[in-house]
Amino acid sequence: AHRVLLRGARPVVVTRNDNPLARKRRVSLQELAQQPWMMPRHSDFFRARIEGIFTRAGIAPPKPVIEYALIIGSARFLIERRDLVCAYYDSFIDAVLVDEKLAWLHAPDISWNASSSVIYRRDTPLSPAASRLVEFVRAACAEHARR
């Protein structure tokens, strides 16, 4: 079974608000390719989408200076380093913007819509813990969608 929990999540490029790119009205792929990036580890679908955007534009994808395995906690590296840029889904970064130390960059070339879903076996009921987790995630997604 498949249940969509959040529709229309969009990637956003983020950096510290004192990074010179944060003052620009628009940031091009060429400018982004020259920046030190933080990205998920190599086999990640999100990273492949970002790299594909650069490749289709004829620009070598940025080589990350930091790779993370878990998205949770990764934003702290952005807060610590003024020069880093990273792409996240807007629904995630909304939750971790810390005292407005981070800024979204207007990078219209990095764009797509995604949905967050839960997939489970129809013929096997979810455990009580899994059911409760899906309820919490659904509530958080509904709250985000109302904003």
N, C-alpha and C. Protein backbone atom coordinates (compact mmCIF):
# COMPACT_ATOMS: atom_id res chain seq x y z
N ALA A 1 0.86 -1.18 0.00
CA ALA A 1 0.00 0.00 0.00
C ALA A 1 0.89 1.23 0.00
N HIS A 2 0.37 2.29 -0.50
CA HIS A 2 1.14 3.53 -0.65
C HIS A 2 0.27 4.69 -0.19
N ARG A 3 0.78 5.48 0.71
CA ARG A 3 0.03 6.64 1.19
C ARG A 3 0.93 7.88 1.13
N VAL A 4 0.50 8.89 0.37
CA VAL A 4 1.25 10.14 0.27
C VAL A 4 0.99 10.95 1.54
N LEU A 5 2.07 11.42 2.16
CA LEU A 5 1.96 12.19 3.39
C LEU A 5 2.16 13.68 3.15
N LEU A 6 3.00 14.04 2.19
CA LEU A 6 3.28 15.45 1.92
C LEU A 6 3.54 15.60 0.43
N ARG A 7 2.79 16.49 -0.21
CA ARG A 7 2.97 16.75 -1.64
C ARG A 7 3.69 18.08 -1.84
N GLY A 8 4.42 18.15 -2.94
CA GLY A 8 4.97 19.43 -3.36
C GLY A 8 6.19 19.91 -2.62
N ALA A 9 6.96 19.01 -2.02
CA ALA A 9 8.22 19.44 -1.41
C ALA A 9 9.16 19.87 -2.54
N ARG A 10 9.91 20.93 -2.31
CA ARG A 10 10.80 21.46 -3.32
C ARG A 10 12.21 21.59 -2.77
N PRO A 11 13.22 21.36 -3.62
CA PRO A 11 14.58 21.55 -3.15
C PRO A 11 14.90 23.02 -3.02
N VAL A 12 15.68 23.35 -2.02
CA VAL A 12 16.17 24.72 -1.84
C VAL A 12 17.66 24.64 -1.52
N VAL A 13 18.41 25.63 -2.01
CA VAL A 13 19.83 25.71 -1.72
C VAL A 13 19.99 26.68 -0.56
N VAL A 14 20.78 26.27 0.43
CA VAL A 14 20.89 27.00 1.68
C VAL A 14 22.36 27.26 1.99
N THR A 15 22.62 28.39 2.63
CA THR A 15 23.94 28.74 3.12
C THR A 15 23.76 29.62 4.35
N ARG A 16 24.84 29.98 4.99
CA ARG A 16 24.73 30.94 6.10
C ARG A 16 24.32 32.30 5.54
N ASN A 17 23.60 33.05 6.35
CA ASN A 17 23.12 34.35 5.87
C ASN A 17 24.23 35.38 5.70
N ASP A 18 25.44 35.11 6.18
CA ASP A 18 26.55 36.05 5.95
C ASP A 18 27.44 35.60 4.79
N ASN A 19 27.05 34.56 4.07
CA ASN A 19 27.74 34.16 2.85
C ASN A 19 27.42 35.19 1.77
N PRO A 20 28.39 35.65 0.98
CA PRO A 20 28.11 36.65 -0.05
C PRO A 20 26.99 36.26 -1.02
N LEU A 21 26.80 34.97 -1.26
CA LEU A 21 25.72 34.54 -2.16
C LEU A 21 24.34 34.87 -1.60
N ALA A 22 24.23 34.96 -0.29
CA ALA A 22 22.93 35.22 0.34
C ALA A 22 22.40 36.61 -0.01
N ARG A 23 23.27 37.51 -0.44
CA ARG A 23 22.83 38.87 -0.79
C ARG A 23 22.42 39.00 -2.26
N LYS A 24 22.63 37.95 -3.03
CA LYS A 24 22.32 38.01 -4.46
C LYS A 24 20.85 37.72 -4.70
N ARG A 25 20.30 38.38 -5.71
CA ARG A 25 18.90 38.12 -6.08
C ARG A 25 18.71 36.75 -6.71
N ARG A 26 19.71 36.30 -7.45
CA ARG A 26 19.64 35.02 -8.15
C ARG A 26 21.05 34.44 -8.20
N VAL A 27 21.14 33.14 -8.02
CA VAL A 27 22.42 32.46 -8.06
C VAL A 27 22.38 31.44 -9.19
N SER A 28 23.36 31.51 -10.07
CA SER A 28 23.39 30.62 -11.23
C SER A 28 24.05 29.28 -10.88
N LEU A 29 23.82 28.31 -11.75
CA LEU A 29 24.48 27.02 -11.57
C LEU A 29 26.00 27.15 -11.63
N GLN A 30 26.49 28.04 -12.50
CA GLN A 30 27.94 28.25 -12.59
C GLN A 30 28.50 28.74 -11.26
N GLU A 31 27.80 29.68 -10.63
CA GLU A 31 28.25 30.18 -9.32
C GLU A 31 28.20 29.07 -8.27
N LEU A 32 27.12 28.30 -8.28
CA LEU A 32 26.97 27.23 -7.30
C LEU A 32 28.03 26.15 -7.48
N ALA A 33 28.40 25.86 -8.73
CA ALA A 33 29.40 24.83 -8.99
C ALA A 33 30.76 25.20 -8.41
N GLN A 34 31.01 26.49 -8.21
CA GLN A 34 32.30 26.95 -7.68
C GLN A 34 32.35 26.94 -6.15
N GLN A 35 31.23 26.67 -5.51
CA GLN A 35 31.16 26.73 -4.05
C GLN A 35 31.52 25.40 -3.42
N PRO A 36 32.00 25.42 -2.17
CA PRO A 36 32.17 24.17 -1.43
C PRO A 36 30.78 23.67 -0.99
N TRP A 37 30.48 22.45 -1.34
CA TRP A 37 29.17 21.87 -1.07
C TRP A 37 29.23 20.83 0.03
N MET A 38 28.10 20.68 0.70
CA MET A 38 27.85 19.56 1.58
C MET A 38 26.71 18.78 0.93
N MET A 39 26.88 17.48 0.78
CA MET A 39 25.86 16.65 0.12
C MET A 39 25.70 15.32 0.84
N PRO A 40 24.58 14.64 0.58
CA PRO A 40 24.45 13.28 1.09
C PRO A 40 25.49 12.38 0.44
N ARG A 41 25.73 11.23 1.05
CA ARG A 41 26.67 10.28 0.46
C ARG A 41 26.25 9.91 -0.95
N HIS A 42 27.16 9.35 -1.69
CA HIS A 42 27.04 9.22 -3.15
C HIS A 42 25.83 8.46 -3.66
N SER A 43 25.35 7.45 -3.02
CA SER A 43 24.25 6.67 -3.59
C SER A 43 22.87 7.28 -3.33
N ASP A 44 22.81 8.45 -2.79
CA ASP A 44 21.55 9.09 -2.42
C ASP A 44 20.81 9.63 -3.66
N PHE A 45 19.50 9.38 -3.74
CA PHE A 45 18.68 9.84 -4.86
C PHE A 45 18.67 11.36 -4.98
N PHE A 46 18.56 12.05 -3.85
CA PHE A 46 18.52 13.51 -3.86
C PHE A 46 19.81 14.07 -4.45
N ARG A 47 20.94 13.52 -4.03
CA ARG A 47 22.22 13.97 -4.57
C ARG A 47 22.28 13.72 -6.08
N ALA A 48 21.82 12.57 -6.52
CA ALA A 48 21.83 12.26 -7.96
C ALA A 48 20.99 13.28 -8.74
N ARG A 49 19.88 13.71 -8.18
CA ARG A 49 19.04 14.72 -8.85
C ARG A 49 19.79 16.04 -8.98
N ILE A 50 20.46 16.46 -7.90
CA ILE A 50 21.23 17.72 -7.92
C ILE A 50 22.35 17.61 -8.95
N GLU A 51 23.12 16.54 -8.89
CA GLU A 51 24.22 16.37 -9.84
C GLU A 51 23.72 16.32 -11.28
N GLY A 52 22.58 15.70 -11.50
CA GLY A 52 22.00 15.62 -12.84
C GLY A 52 21.64 16.98 -13.41
N ILE A 53 21.20 17.90 -12.57
CA ILE A 53 20.88 19.26 -13.02
C ILE A 53 22.13 19.93 -13.57
N PHE A 54 23.22 19.82 -12.85
CA PHE A 54 24.48 20.41 -13.32
C PHE A 54 24.94 19.74 -14.62
N THR A 55 24.91 18.42 -14.65
CA THR A 55 25.38 17.67 -15.81
C THR A 55 24.58 18.03 -17.06
N ARG A 56 23.24 18.09 -16.94
CA ARG A 56 22.40 18.44 -18.10
C ARG A 56 22.66 19.86 -18.58
N ALA A 57 23.13 20.72 -17.69
CA ALA A 57 23.45 22.10 -18.09
C ALA A 57 24.88 22.21 -18.63
N GLY A 58 25.59 21.09 -18.72
CA GLY A 58 26.95 21.11 -19.23
C GLY A 58 27.97 21.63 -18.24
N ILE A 59 27.64 21.55 -16.96
CA ILE A 59 28.53 22.04 -15.89
C ILE A 59 28.91 20.85 -15.03
N ALA A 60 30.19 20.74 -14.72
CA ALA A 60 30.63 19.66 -13.84
C ALA A 60 29.95 19.80 -12.48
N PRO A 61 29.33 18.74 -11.98
CA PRO A 61 28.68 18.82 -10.66
C PRO A 61 29.70 19.16 -9.59
N PRO A 62 29.28 19.90 -8.57
CA PRO A 62 30.20 20.23 -7.48
C PRO A 62 30.65 18.97 -6.75
N LYS A 63 31.88 18.99 -6.32
CA LYS A 63 32.41 17.90 -5.49
C LYS A 63 32.27 18.32 -4.04
N PRO A 64 31.53 17.56 -3.25
CA PRO A 64 31.31 17.98 -1.87
C PRO A 64 32.58 17.91 -1.03
N VAL A 65 32.72 18.89 -0.14
CA VAL A 65 33.81 18.87 0.83
C VAL A 65 33.38 18.14 2.10
N ILE A 66 32.07 18.02 2.27
CA ILE A 66 31.50 17.25 3.39
C ILE A 66 30.38 16.39 2.82
N GLU A 67 30.38 15.12 3.19
CA GLU A 67 29.28 14.22 2.85
C GLU A 67 28.65 13.75 4.16
N TYR A 68 27.32 13.65 4.17
CA TYR A 68 26.65 13.19 5.38
C TYR A 68 25.84 11.93 5.08
N ALA A 69 25.72 11.09 6.09
CA ALA A 69 24.92 9.88 5.97
C ALA A 69 23.49 10.11 6.44
N LEU A 70 23.33 10.97 7.43
CA LEU A 70 22.01 11.28 7.99
C LEU A 70 21.74 12.77 7.88
N ILE A 71 20.58 13.11 7.38
CA ILE A 71 20.24 14.53 7.22
C ILE A 71 20.10 15.22 8.58
N ILE A 72 19.62 14.47 9.57
CA ILE A 72 19.45 15.04 10.90
C ILE A 72 20.81 15.48 11.43
N GLY A 73 20.94 16.71 11.82
CA GLY A 73 22.18 17.24 12.35
C GLY A 73 23.11 17.83 11.30
N SER A 74 22.84 17.60 10.02
CA SER A 74 23.76 18.08 8.99
C SER A 74 23.77 19.61 8.88
N ALA A 75 22.66 20.26 9.21
CA ALA A 75 22.60 21.72 9.09
C ALA A 75 23.59 22.42 10.02
N ARG A 76 24.04 21.74 11.06
CA ARG A 76 25.00 22.39 11.98
C ARG A 76 26.31 22.72 11.26
N PHE A 77 26.67 21.91 10.25
CA PHE A 77 27.89 22.22 9.49
C PHE A 77 27.73 23.52 8.72
N LEU A 78 26.53 23.77 8.21
CA LEU A 78 26.27 25.03 7.51
C LEU A 78 26.39 26.21 8.46
N ILE A 79 25.93 26.03 9.66
CA ILE A 79 25.98 27.11 10.65
C ILE A 79 27.43 27.38 11.06
N GLU A 80 28.24 26.33 11.11
CA GLU A 80 29.64 26.47 11.53
C GLU A 80 30.54 27.04 10.43
N ARG A 81 30.20 26.80 9.17
CA ARG A 81 31.08 27.21 8.06
C ARG A 81 30.37 28.19 7.15
N ARG A 82 30.89 29.37 7.05
CA ARG A 82 30.29 30.44 6.25
C ARG A 82 30.27 30.13 4.76
N ASP A 83 31.23 29.33 4.29
CA ASP A 83 31.38 29.14 2.85
C ASP A 83 30.54 28.00 2.27
N LEU A 84 30.00 27.11 3.08
CA LEU A 84 29.28 25.94 2.57
C LEU A 84 27.93 26.28 1.98
N VAL A 85 27.53 25.51 0.98
CA VAL A 85 26.16 25.51 0.49
C VAL A 85 25.68 24.06 0.50
N CYS A 86 24.37 23.91 0.59
CA CYS A 86 23.77 22.59 0.63
C CYS A 86 22.35 22.70 0.09
N ALA A 87 21.86 21.65 -0.50
CA ALA A 87 20.46 21.61 -0.93
C ALA A 87 19.70 20.66 -0.01
N TYR A 88 18.51 21.09 0.36
CA TYR A 88 17.60 20.29 1.17
C TYR A 88 16.21 20.43 0.58
N TYR A 89 15.30 19.59 1.01
CA TYR A 89 13.89 19.86 0.71
C TYR A 89 13.41 20.95 1.64
N ASP A 90 12.57 21.83 1.12
CA ASP A 90 12.08 22.96 1.91
C ASP A 90 11.40 22.51 3.20
N SER A 91 10.70 21.39 3.16
CA SER A 91 10.00 20.92 4.35
C SER A 91 10.97 20.56 5.47
N PHE A 92 12.16 20.11 5.13
CA PHE A 92 13.16 19.79 6.16
C PHE A 92 13.81 21.05 6.69
N ILE A 93 14.25 21.91 5.82
CA ILE A 93 15.04 23.06 6.27
C ILE A 93 14.19 24.05 7.05
N ASP A 94 12.88 24.11 6.76
CA ASP A 94 12.00 24.95 7.57
C ASP A 94 12.10 24.59 9.04
N ALA A 95 12.24 23.31 9.31
CA ALA A 95 12.27 22.83 10.69
C ALA A 95 13.59 23.11 11.39
N VAL A 96 14.66 23.36 10.63
CA VAL A 96 15.96 23.51 11.27
C VAL A 96 16.56 24.91 11.12
N LEU A 97 15.85 25.84 10.52
CA LEU A 97 16.40 27.19 10.43
C LEU A 97 16.63 27.70 11.84
N VAL A 98 17.87 27.95 12.17
CA VAL A 98 18.26 28.27 13.54
C VAL A 98 18.50 29.77 13.66
N ASP A 99 17.64 30.44 14.41
CA ASP A 99 17.82 31.87 14.67
C ASP A 99 18.11 32.66 13.39
N GLU A 100 17.56 32.18 12.29
CA GLU A 100 17.73 32.83 10.99
C GLU A 100 19.20 33.02 10.62
N LYS A 101 20.05 32.09 11.03
CA LYS A 101 21.46 32.11 10.65
C LYS A 101 21.66 31.56 9.24
N LEU A 102 20.64 30.87 8.72
CA LEU A 102 20.73 30.30 7.39
C LEU A 102 19.82 31.06 6.44
N ALA A 103 20.23 31.10 5.18
CA ALA A 103 19.45 31.81 4.15
C ALA A 103 19.22 30.90 2.96
N TRP A 104 18.03 31.00 2.40
CA TRP A 104 17.72 30.30 1.16
C TRP A 104 18.31 31.11 0.03
N LEU A 105 18.93 30.44 -0.92
CA LEU A 105 19.44 31.11 -2.11
C LEU A 105 18.41 30.96 -3.23
N HIS A 106 18.24 32.01 -3.99
CA HIS A 106 17.32 31.94 -5.13
C HIS A 106 18.10 31.32 -6.29
N ALA A 107 17.93 30.01 -6.44
CA ALA A 107 18.62 29.24 -7.49
C ALA A 107 17.55 28.51 -8.30
N PRO A 108 16.88 29.24 -9.21
CA PRO A 108 15.73 28.66 -9.91
C PRO A 108 16.05 27.45 -10.79
N ASP A 109 17.31 27.25 -11.13
CA ASP A 109 17.66 26.09 -11.95
C ASP A 109 17.58 24.78 -11.16
N ILE A 110 17.63 24.87 -9.86
CA ILE A 110 17.51 23.67 -9.02
C ILE A 110 16.07 23.62 -8.53
N SER A 111 15.27 22.85 -9.26
CA SER A 111 13.84 22.86 -8.96
C SER A 111 13.18 21.56 -9.44
N TRP A 112 12.34 21.02 -8.61
CA TRP A 112 11.41 19.94 -8.95
C TRP A 112 10.44 19.81 -7.79
N ASN A 113 9.38 19.07 -7.97
CA ASN A 113 8.41 18.80 -6.90
C ASN A 113 8.52 17.33 -6.51
N ALA A 114 8.41 17.08 -5.24
CA ALA A 114 8.49 15.70 -4.73
C ALA A 114 7.40 15.48 -3.70
N SER A 115 7.06 14.25 -3.52
CA SER A 115 6.11 13.87 -2.48
C SER A 115 6.79 12.92 -1.51
N SER A 116 6.40 13.02 -0.26
CA SER A 116 6.88 12.09 0.75
C SER A 116 5.78 11.09 1.02
N SER A 117 6.15 9.84 1.01
CA SER A 117 5.15 8.77 1.13
C SER A 117 5.60 7.73 2.13
N VAL A 118 4.65 6.93 2.53
CA VAL A 118 4.94 5.73 3.30
C VAL A 118 4.42 4.56 2.46
N ILE A 119 5.25 3.53 2.38
CA ILE A 119 4.89 2.33 1.62
C ILE A 119 5.00 1.14 2.57
N TYR A 120 3.97 0.30 2.54
CA TYR A 120 3.97 -0.86 3.42
C TYR A 120 3.18 -1.98 2.76
N ARG A 121 3.37 -3.19 3.26
CA ARG A 121 2.68 -4.35 2.70
C ARG A 121 1.20 -4.29 3.07
N ARG A 122 0.34 -4.37 2.08
CA ARG A 122 -1.10 -4.32 2.30
C ARG A 122 -1.58 -5.53 3.11
N ASP A 123 -0.98 -6.69 2.90
CA ASP A 123 -1.44 -7.92 3.55
C ASP A 123 -0.83 -8.15 4.93
N THR A 124 0.00 -7.21 5.39
CA THR A 124 0.62 -7.33 6.71
C THR A 124 0.37 -6.05 7.49
N PRO A 125 -0.40 -6.14 8.57
CA PRO A 125 -0.68 -4.92 9.33
C PRO A 125 0.59 -4.33 9.93
N LEU A 126 0.62 -3.01 10.02
CA LEU A 126 1.74 -2.33 10.67
C LEU A 126 1.73 -2.66 12.15
N SER A 127 2.91 -2.71 12.73
CA SER A 127 3.01 -2.91 14.17
C SER A 127 2.44 -1.67 14.86
N PRO A 128 2.08 -1.76 16.13
CA PRO A 128 1.60 -0.58 16.84
C PRO A 128 2.61 0.57 16.80
N ALA A 129 3.89 0.26 16.93
CA ALA A 129 4.92 1.32 16.89
C ALA A 129 4.97 1.96 15.51
N ALA A 130 4.93 1.16 14.45
CA ALA A 130 4.96 1.70 13.09
C ALA A 130 3.71 2.53 12.80
N SER A 131 2.56 2.06 13.25
CA SER A 131 1.31 2.81 13.07
C SER A 131 1.39 4.17 13.75
N ARG A 132 1.94 4.17 14.95
CA ARG A 132 2.08 5.42 15.72
C ARG A 132 3.05 6.37 15.02
N LEU A 133 4.15 5.82 14.51
CA LEU A 133 5.13 6.64 13.78
C LEU A 133 4.48 7.27 12.55
N VAL A 134 3.71 6.49 11.79
CA VAL A 134 3.04 7.03 10.60
C VAL A 134 2.06 8.13 11.00
N GLU A 135 1.36 7.96 12.12
CA GLU A 135 0.45 9.01 12.61
C GLU A 135 1.21 10.30 12.91
N PHE A 136 2.34 10.20 13.60
CA PHE A 136 3.14 11.39 13.93
C PHE A 136 3.67 12.07 12.67
N VAL A 137 4.18 11.27 11.74
CA VAL A 137 4.72 11.84 10.50
C VAL A 137 3.59 12.49 9.71
N ARG A 138 2.45 11.85 9.62
CA ARG A 138 1.30 12.42 8.90
C ARG A 138 0.88 13.75 9.54
N ALA A 139 0.85 13.81 10.86
CA ALA A 139 0.48 15.06 11.54
C ALA A 139 1.50 16.16 11.26
N ALA A 140 2.78 15.81 11.29
CA ALA A 140 3.83 16.81 11.01
C ALA A 140 3.71 17.30 9.56
N CYS A 141 3.45 16.40 8.63
CA CYS A 141 3.31 16.79 7.22
C CYS A 141 2.07 17.66 7.03
N ALA A 142 0.98 17.33 7.70
CA ALA A 142 -0.23 18.14 7.60
C ALA A 142 0.02 19.53 8.16
N GLU A 143 0.76 19.63 9.25
CA GLU A 143 1.09 20.94 9.83
C GLU A 143 1.94 21.75 8.86
N HIS A 144 2.91 21.11 8.24
CA HIS A 144 3.75 21.81 7.26
C HIS A 144 2.92 22.28 6.07
N ALA A 145 2.02 21.45 5.60
CA ALA A 145 1.18 21.80 4.44
C ALA A 145 0.27 23.00 4.73
N ARG A 146 -0.11 23.17 6.00
CA ARG A 146 -0.98 24.32 6.36
C ARG A 146 -0.24 25.64 6.35
N ARG A 147 1.09 25.61 6.47
CA ARG A 147 1.87 26.85 6.51
C ARG A 147 1.94 27.52 5.18
